[in-house]
Amino acid sequence: MTLSIGFLVGTTYDAWRDYIRAFENQLGTYRWKKGTSFNIEYQVASGLADLYDAIAADFANPKRSTPINVIVTGGTGPTVACIKATETIPIVFATAANGAALVASASGNVTGISNEQTAHVAHRLQHMQANLPTLGRNFRVGPIGNTNAANVQDEMKEVQKQAAKLGLKFYQSTMALQTVDHIHPVMQDLKTNGVQALFVCTDPLITSNADILNEYAAIARLPTMHAFKKNFSQKGSMWWGPKLGNMFSQAADFVYTFGTTGTLLPPTTASAFEHYP
């Protein structure tokens, strides 16, 4: 049997190119060959929530010409869409903000690797304090992210909570950021209201448009903290977060185990982290 994998690319394909390669390469270490042992159907959502639902529904459609045996996702929103679409097809998330909550919301068909994004907010803020000495210890930080995404809303609340503990000033824009066109006006609002550094709350919309966000941040002279190396820019930004390549490779281990044994490995969390500077 050739395992049919439906891969919901929550970002653009280019944004995840290296991680997709890590996923495929890991399957190759098991001597699996594309076209013989497995096939992968990639569907790209580019951070658009409506496309998550449409792609998930297509993967779950029992009447499609090539039935999907296992779905791979990256990001909370894409995973939620797939959970809503099917209770039977196994879903493996290569990365998601709170994996335990996703698994608990499903009917036993979901597993994967959680990046525990909200849990690491304090680490990122402390890293900002340590590496932005010219701003002092009490600079004003502002979160920026897709306000349509529930996990981003949770992360923004945690930024406010942890900023208070660290003695940082905090400002959150009241403007919605739900499309790429909203990035610039939201950033202008943050700058106008005295924000001295940006804390990026990541989801596929932001990852798909990280270059645009970084360019506006550089123009505004706002140092920027990212959660992933992929979103980093040399124009004044930094990152602290999990090694996504490792997580996507581990997702391949989950898929291989299901393909060879019919069982799902238990969910886990990221175990390797990196930062700059």
Protein backbone atom coordinates (compact mmCIF):
# COMPACT_ATOMS: atom_id res chain seq x y z
CA MET A 1 0.00 0.00 0.00
CA THR A 2 1.20 3.50 -0.87
CA LEU A 3 0.42 5.87 2.00
CA SER A 4 -1.42 8.97 0.80
CA ILE A 5 -0.42 12.03 2.83
CA GLY A 6 -2.36 15.27 2.67
CA PHE A 7 -0.10 18.13 3.77
CA LEU A 8 -1.89 21.37 4.66
CA VAL A 9 0.76 24.06 4.21
CA GLY A 10 -0.62 26.80 6.44
CA THR A 11 1.95 29.32 5.21
CA THR A 12 3.25 29.83 1.69
CA TYR A 13 5.20 26.89 0.27
CA ASP A 14 8.40 28.98 0.13
CA ALA A 15 8.12 29.94 3.80
CA TRP A 16 8.13 26.26 4.76
CA ARG A 17 10.36 24.94 2.00
CA ASP A 18 13.23 23.95 4.33
CA TYR A 19 10.86 22.30 6.82
CA ILE A 20 9.04 20.38 4.10
CA ARG A 21 12.42 19.16 2.90
CA ALA A 22 13.25 18.06 6.46
CA PHE A 23 9.96 16.14 6.60
CA GLU A 24 10.59 14.36 3.29
CA ASN A 25 14.24 13.67 4.08
CA GLN A 26 13.28 12.02 7.36
CA LEU A 27 10.87 9.71 5.55
CA GLY A 28 13.79 8.90 3.27
CA THR A 29 15.88 7.73 6.22
CA TYR A 30 13.37 4.89 6.57
CA ARG A 31 14.04 3.99 2.92
CA TRP A 32 10.59 5.16 1.97
CA LYS A 33 10.38 6.28 -1.63
CA LYS A 34 7.95 8.86 -2.95
CA GLY A 35 5.56 7.26 -5.42
CA THR A 36 6.16 3.80 -3.99
CA SER A 37 5.96 3.96 -0.20
CA PHE A 38 4.10 7.26 -0.03
CA ASN A 39 2.68 10.18 -1.97
CA ILE A 40 2.28 13.71 -0.63
CA GLU A 41 -0.38 16.12 -1.81
CA TYR A 42 0.53 19.66 -0.78
CA GLN A 43 -2.21 22.27 -0.48
CA VAL A 44 -1.16 25.83 0.31
CA ALA A 45 -3.26 28.19 2.46
CA SER A 46 -0.87 31.19 2.74
CA GLY A 47 -2.19 32.05 6.19
CA LEU A 48 -5.81 32.46 5.02
CA ALA A 49 -8.29 30.93 7.47
CA ASP A 50 -10.97 30.33 4.82
CA LEU A 51 -8.53 28.17 2.90
CA TYR A 52 -7.77 26.07 5.99
CA ASP A 53 -11.41 24.98 6.10
CA ALA A 54 -11.65 24.36 2.35
CA ILE A 55 -8.46 22.29 2.20
CA ALA A 56 -9.38 20.33 5.32
CA ALA A 57 -12.81 19.52 3.88
CA ASP A 58 -11.22 18.34 0.64
CA PHE A 59 -8.72 16.09 2.46
CA ALA A 60 -11.57 14.60 4.52
CA ASN A 61 -13.84 13.99 1.52
CA PRO A 62 -14.33 10.20 1.22
CA LYS A 63 -15.35 10.60 -2.44
CA ARG A 64 -12.15 12.28 -3.62
CA SER A 65 -10.30 10.37 -6.35
CA THR A 66 -7.29 9.73 -4.10
CA PRO A 67 -8.42 9.18 -0.49
CA ILE A 68 -6.10 10.69 2.11
CA ASN A 69 -4.73 8.23 4.69
CA VAL A 70 -3.07 10.76 7.03
CA ILE A 71 -3.09 14.57 7.25
CA VAL A 72 -0.05 16.63 8.26
CA THR A 73 -0.51 20.23 9.40
CA GLY A 74 1.53 23.07 10.80
CA GLY A 75 -0.03 25.74 12.98
CA THR A 76 -2.99 25.84 15.31
CA GLY A 77 -5.55 27.19 12.84
CA PRO A 78 -4.90 24.59 10.14
CA THR A 79 -5.00 21.81 12.74
CA VAL A 80 -8.30 23.04 14.18
CA ALA A 81 -9.79 23.10 10.67
CA CYS A 82 -8.77 19.48 10.09
CA ILE A 83 -10.11 18.38 13.47
CA LYS A 84 -13.48 19.87 12.51
CA ALA A 85 -13.38 18.15 9.12
CA THR A 86 -12.68 14.57 10.21
CA GLU A 87 -12.91 12.36 13.27
CA THR A 88 -11.36 9.33 11.59
CA ILE A 89 -8.38 10.33 9.42
CA PRO A 90 -5.23 10.61 11.57
CA ILE A 91 -3.92 14.18 11.89
CA VAL A 92 -0.28 14.89 12.75
CA PHE A 93 0.60 18.51 13.53
CA ALA A 94 4.26 19.30 12.93
CA THR A 95 3.92 22.42 15.04
CA ALA A 96 1.09 24.02 17.01
CA ALA A 97 0.85 26.47 19.88
CA ASN A 98 -0.91 24.23 22.42
CA GLY A 99 -0.89 20.63 21.32
CA ALA A 100 -2.49 19.24 24.47
CA ALA A 101 -5.63 21.32 23.92
CA LEU A 102 -5.85 20.23 20.29
CA VAL A 103 -5.54 16.56 21.18
CA ALA A 104 -8.16 16.93 23.91
CA SER A 105 -10.60 18.56 21.46
CA ALA A 106 -10.40 15.65 19.00
CA SER A 107 -11.78 12.11 18.97
CA GLY A 108 -8.51 10.23 19.32
CA ASN A 109 -7.25 10.85 15.79
CA VAL A 110 -4.84 13.72 16.53
CA THR A 111 -1.22 13.83 17.67
CA GLY A 112 1.93 15.79 16.96
CA ILE A 113 4.58 18.12 18.33
CA SER A 114 3.62 21.27 20.22
CA ASN A 115 5.83 24.36 20.25
CA GLU A 116 4.19 25.53 23.52
CA GLN A 117 4.28 29.06 22.15
CA THR A 118 2.50 30.80 25.03
CA ALA A 119 4.59 28.97 27.63
CA HIS A 120 7.79 30.51 26.27
CA VAL A 121 6.68 34.16 26.27
CA ALA A 122 8.72 34.94 29.39
CA HIS A 123 11.89 33.53 27.81
CA ARG A 124 11.45 35.75 24.76
CA LEU A 125 10.81 38.88 26.82
CA GLN A 126 13.84 38.17 29.00
CA HIS A 127 15.93 37.68 25.88
CA MET A 128 14.74 41.06 24.61
CA GLN A 129 15.70 42.75 27.89
CA ALA A 130 19.15 41.17 27.79
CA ASN A 131 19.84 42.11 24.18
CA LEU A 132 18.34 45.60 23.98
CA PRO A 133 20.44 47.35 26.65
CA THR A 134 20.14 50.76 25.03
CA LEU A 135 16.39 50.72 25.71
CA GLY A 136 16.89 50.16 29.44
CA ARG A 137 15.09 47.56 31.55
CA ASN A 138 11.65 49.18 31.39
CA PHE A 139 11.06 49.79 27.70
CA ARG A 140 7.60 49.67 26.18
CA VAL A 141 6.85 46.46 24.30
CA GLY A 142 3.93 45.86 21.97
CA PRO A 143 2.63 42.52 20.63
CA ILE A 144 1.75 42.23 16.96
CA GLY A 145 -0.05 39.30 15.34
CA ASN A 146 -3.15 37.97 13.66
CA THR A 147 -5.96 39.01 16.00
CA ASN A 148 -8.28 36.54 14.24
CA ALA A 149 -6.32 33.58 15.65
CA ALA A 150 -7.31 32.30 19.10
CA ASN A 151 -3.78 31.15 19.93
CA VAL A 152 -2.45 34.63 19.08
CA GLN A 153 -5.03 36.22 21.36
CA ASP A 154 -3.87 33.92 24.17
CA GLU A 155 -0.24 34.78 23.49
CA MET A 156 -0.94 38.51 23.58
CA LYS A 157 -2.57 38.15 27.00
CA GLU A 158 0.50 36.26 28.20
CA VAL A 159 2.80 38.98 26.86
CA GLN A 160 0.91 41.53 28.94
CA LYS A 161 1.08 39.31 32.03
CA GLN A 162 4.78 38.50 31.74
CA ALA A 163 5.73 42.07 30.77
CA ALA A 164 4.24 43.29 34.05
CA LYS A 165 6.29 40.73 36.00
CA LEU A 166 9.48 41.89 34.29
CA GLY A 167 8.78 45.58 34.81
CA LEU A 168 8.22 46.26 31.12
CA LYS A 169 5.71 48.80 29.89
CA PHE A 170 3.04 47.40 27.58
CA TYR A 171 0.80 48.66 24.82
CA GLN A 172 -1.53 46.59 22.66
CA SER A 173 -3.07 48.13 19.57
CA THR A 174 -6.85 48.25 19.44
CA MET A 175 -6.65 47.88 15.65
CA ALA A 176 -7.37 44.48 14.11
CA LEU A 177 -4.67 42.66 12.15
CA GLN A 178 -6.38 40.01 10.03
CA THR A 179 -4.78 40.44 6.60
CA VAL A 180 -1.35 41.43 5.33
CA ASP A 181 -2.69 44.91 4.53
CA HIS A 182 -3.27 45.50 8.25
CA ILE A 183 0.38 45.03 9.24
CA HIS A 184 1.52 48.56 8.37
CA PRO A 185 -1.29 50.54 10.06
CA VAL A 186 -1.08 48.39 13.21
CA MET A 187 2.66 48.94 13.37
CA GLN A 188 2.20 52.68 12.88
CA ASP A 189 -0.29 52.69 15.77
CA LEU A 190 2.18 50.85 18.01
CA LYS A 191 4.96 53.29 17.13
CA THR A 192 2.72 56.33 17.65
CA ASN A 193 1.81 55.05 21.11
CA GLY A 194 5.39 54.79 22.26
CA VAL A 195 6.20 51.13 21.63
CA GLN A 196 9.97 50.67 21.51
CA ALA A 197 10.11 46.97 20.58
CA LEU A 198 7.77 44.47 18.90
CA PHE A 199 6.87 41.02 20.20
CA VAL A 200 5.63 38.95 17.24
CA CYS A 201 2.82 36.52 18.07
CA THR A 202 3.24 34.00 15.30
CA ASP A 203 0.71 32.18 13.16
CA PRO A 204 0.74 31.19 9.47
CA LEU A 205 -0.46 34.65 8.35
CA ILE A 206 2.55 36.31 9.99
CA THR A 207 4.99 33.62 8.82
CA SER A 208 3.70 33.99 5.25
CA ASN A 209 4.37 37.73 5.40
CA ALA A 210 7.36 37.95 7.75
CA ASP A 211 9.46 39.82 5.17
CA ILE A 212 6.82 42.54 4.94
CA LEU A 213 6.54 42.82 8.72
CA ASN A 214 10.32 43.00 9.09
CA GLU A 215 10.60 45.70 6.42
CA TYR A 216 8.04 47.92 8.12
CA ALA A 217 9.71 47.30 11.49
CA ALA A 218 13.08 48.33 10.08
CA ILE A 219 11.61 51.54 8.65
CA ALA A 220 10.01 52.28 12.03
CA ARG A 221 13.29 51.37 13.79
CA LEU A 222 11.55 48.90 16.04
CA PRO A 223 13.59 45.87 17.18
CA THR A 224 11.53 42.74 16.77
CA MET A 225 11.33 39.44 18.66
CA HIS A 226 10.26 36.41 16.60
CA ALA A 227 9.41 32.91 17.74
CA PHE A 228 11.08 31.15 14.79
CA LYS A 229 14.39 31.50 12.98
CA LYS A 230 12.56 31.43 9.64
CA ASN A 231 10.91 34.79 10.36
CA PHE A 232 14.15 36.48 11.39
CA SER A 233 15.60 39.45 9.52
CA GLN A 234 19.03 40.98 9.94
CA LYS A 235 17.35 44.39 10.00
CA GLY A 236 17.06 44.67 13.76
CA SER A 237 15.25 41.48 14.73
CA MET A 238 15.98 38.51 16.95
CA TRP A 239 14.41 35.16 17.74
CA TRP A 240 14.06 32.64 20.53
CA GLY A 241 12.16 29.45 19.87
CA PRO A 242 12.07 25.78 18.85
CA LYS A 243 14.00 24.30 15.97
CA LEU A 244 11.19 23.81 13.48
CA GLY A 245 13.26 21.57 11.23
CA ASN A 246 13.53 19.09 14.10
CA MET A 247 9.79 19.23 14.69
CA PHE A 248 8.93 18.57 11.03
CA SER A 249 11.40 15.66 11.00
CA GLN A 250 9.71 14.29 14.09
CA ALA A 251 6.32 14.63 12.39
CA ALA A 252 7.71 12.33 9.70
CA ASP A 253 8.51 9.79 12.43
CA PHE A 254 4.86 9.95 13.50
CA VAL A 255 3.68 9.40 9.93
CA TYR A 256 6.09 6.50 9.37
CA THR A 257 4.95 4.82 12.58
CA PHE A 258 1.32 5.14 11.56
CA GLY A 259 2.06 3.92 8.03
CA THR A 260 3.86 0.81 9.25
CA THR A 261 1.93 -0.07 12.40
CA GLY A 262 -1.43 1.69 12.10
CA THR A 263 -0.95 3.36 15.48
CA LEU A 264 -0.35 6.99 16.46
CA LEU A 265 2.55 7.96 18.68
CA PRO A 266 1.54 10.01 21.73
CA PRO A 267 1.81 13.81 21.39
CA THR A 268 4.93 15.54 22.59
CA THR A 269 6.53 18.98 22.78
CA ALA A 270 9.54 20.61 21.15
CA SER A 271 12.79 19.51 22.75
CA ALA A 272 15.40 21.59 20.91
CA PHE A 273 15.56 25.39 20.93
CA GLU A 274 17.67 28.11 19.34
CA HIS A 275 18.04 31.87 19.52
CA TYR A 276 19.77 34.91 18.07
CA PRO A 277 21.61 36.73 19.33
